[in-house]
Amino acid sequence: MLAEHLVRAECDIVLGESHLARQRGVVAERWRQGLDVGEAIELLKRFEELQAIHVAERDRLRAILGR
């Protein structure tokens, strides 16, 4: 069961990287267009926080499983 949770955490990290890349692109594009980037940056920060949680969970599971 823990191994399944580890696989899920690793998938969440991959998906999170995709979300982060897309949101960084949104921030950059809005910046280039001279638009307000405040909300886009806040969303990016939330994605970064969530990604850190996923990484911590993955690391915790790896430690338990000895990987």
C-alpha atoms as a PDB file:
ATOM      1  CA  MET A   1       0.000   0.000   0.000  1.00  0.00           C
ATOM      2  CA  LEU A   2       2.814   2.447   0.796  1.00  0.00           C
ATOM      3  CA  ALA A   3       4.416   1.655  -2.536  1.00  0.00           C
ATOM      4  CA  GLU A   4       1.163   2.653  -4.255  1.00  0.00           C
ATOM      5  CA  HIS A   5       1.131   5.926  -2.347  1.00  0.00           C
ATOM      6  CA  LEU A   6       4.717   6.532  -3.438  1.00  0.00           C
ATOM      7  CA  VAL A   7       3.781   5.983  -7.083  1.00  0.00           C
ATOM      8  CA  ARG A   8       0.882   8.412  -6.672  1.00  0.00           C
ATOM      9  CA  ALA A   9       3.123  11.020  -5.035  1.00  0.00           C
ATOM     10  CA  GLU A  10       5.627  10.696  -7.881  1.00  0.00           C
ATOM     11  CA  CYS A  11       2.818  11.135 -10.428  1.00  0.00           C
ATOM     12  CA  ASP A  12       1.589  14.186  -8.530  1.00  0.00           C
ATOM     13  CA  ILE A  13       5.084  15.681  -8.761  1.00  0.00           C
ATOM     14  CA  VAL A  14       5.242  15.155 -12.518  1.00  0.00           C
ATOM     15  CA  LEU A  15       1.801  16.686 -12.949  1.00  0.00           C
ATOM     16  CA  GLY A  16       2.764  19.523 -10.627  1.00  0.00           C
ATOM     17  CA  GLU A  17       5.827  20.323 -12.728  1.00  0.00           C
ATOM     18  CA  SER A  18       3.551  20.630 -15.735  1.00  0.00           C
ATOM     19  CA  HIS A  19       1.228  23.002 -13.875  1.00  0.00           C
ATOM     20  CA  LEU A  20       4.184  25.065 -12.666  1.00  0.00           C
ATOM     21  CA  ALA A  21       5.635  25.377 -16.143  1.00  0.00           C
ATOM     22  CA  ARG A  22       2.297  26.408 -17.614  1.00  0.00           C
ATOM     23  CA  GLN A  23       1.668  28.970 -14.875  1.00  0.00           C
ATOM     24  CA  ARG A  24       5.165  30.410 -15.227  1.00  0.00           C
ATOM     25  CA  GLY A  25       4.359  30.838 -18.900  1.00  0.00           C
ATOM     26  CA  VAL A  26       1.136  32.640 -18.035  1.00  0.00           C
ATOM     27  CA  VAL A  27       3.008  35.013 -15.720  1.00  0.00           C
ATOM     28  CA  ALA A  28       5.688  35.679 -18.351  1.00  0.00           C
ATOM     29  CA  GLU A  29       3.153  36.270 -21.123  1.00  0.00           C
ATOM     30  CA  ARG A  30       1.042  38.629 -19.033  1.00  0.00           C
ATOM     31  CA  TRP A  31       4.214  40.466 -18.016  1.00  0.00           C
ATOM     32  CA  ARG A  32       5.267  40.839 -21.668  1.00  0.00           C
ATOM     33  CA  GLN A  33       1.827  42.185 -22.514  1.00  0.00           C
ATOM     34  CA  GLY A  34       2.018  44.716 -19.708  1.00  0.00           C
ATOM     35  CA  LEU A  35      -0.946  43.166 -17.915  1.00  0.00           C
ATOM     36  CA  ASP A  36      -1.455  42.750 -14.191  1.00  0.00           C
ATOM     37  CA  VAL A  37       0.378  39.633 -13.008  1.00  0.00           C
ATOM     38  CA  GLY A  38      -0.701  39.729  -9.354  1.00  0.00           C
ATOM     39  CA  GLU A  39      -3.302  36.964  -9.493  1.00  0.00           C
ATOM     40  CA  ALA A  40      -1.153  34.836 -11.797  1.00  0.00           C
ATOM     41  CA  ILE A  41       1.765  35.103  -9.379  1.00  0.00           C
ATOM     42  CA  GLU A  42      -0.448  34.211  -6.417  1.00  0.00           C
ATOM     43  CA  LEU A  43      -1.645  31.103  -8.240  1.00  0.00           C
ATOM     44  CA  LEU A  44       1.955  30.222  -9.086  1.00  0.00           C
ATOM     45  CA  LYS A  45       2.881  30.529  -5.407  1.00  0.00           C
ATOM     46  CA  ARG A  46       0.039  28.176  -4.472  1.00  0.00           C
ATOM     47  CA  PHE A  47       1.225  25.668  -7.072  1.00  0.00           C
ATOM     48  CA  GLU A  48       4.769  25.922  -5.687  1.00  0.00           C
ATOM     49  CA  GLU A  49       3.519  25.323  -2.143  1.00  0.00           C
ATOM     50  CA  LEU A  50       1.501  22.316  -3.262  1.00  0.00           C
ATOM     51  CA  GLN A  51       4.486  20.961  -5.155  1.00  0.00           C
ATOM     52  CA  ALA A  52       6.608  21.248  -2.011  1.00  0.00           C
ATOM     53  CA  ILE A  53       3.984  19.217  -0.138  1.00  0.00           C
ATOM     54  CA  HIS A  54       4.053  16.520  -2.825  1.00  0.00           C
ATOM     55  CA  VAL A  55       7.848  16.374  -2.745  1.00  0.00           C
ATOM     56  CA  ALA A  56       7.878  16.145   1.054  1.00  0.00           C
ATOM     57  CA  GLU A  57       5.338  13.318   0.956  1.00  0.00           C
ATOM     58  CA  ARG A  58       7.352  11.486  -1.674  1.00  0.00           C
ATOM     59  CA  ASP A  59      10.518  11.867   0.370  1.00  0.00           C
ATOM     60  CA  ARG A  60       8.735  10.687   3.514  1.00  0.00           C
ATOM     61  CA  LEU A  61       7.426   7.597   1.746  1.00  0.00           C
ATOM     62  CA  ARG A  62      10.828   6.871   0.241  1.00  0.00           C
ATOM     63  CA  ALA A  63      12.383   7.037   3.713  1.00  0.00           C
ATOM     64  CA  ILE A  64       9.803   4.637   5.115  1.00  0.00           C
ATOM     65  CA  LEU A  65      10.266   2.230   2.234  1.00  0.00           C
ATOM     66  CA  GLY A  66      14.059   2.553   2.328  1.00  0.00           C
ATOM     67  CA  ARG A  67      14.383   3.813  -1.241  1.00  0.00           C
END
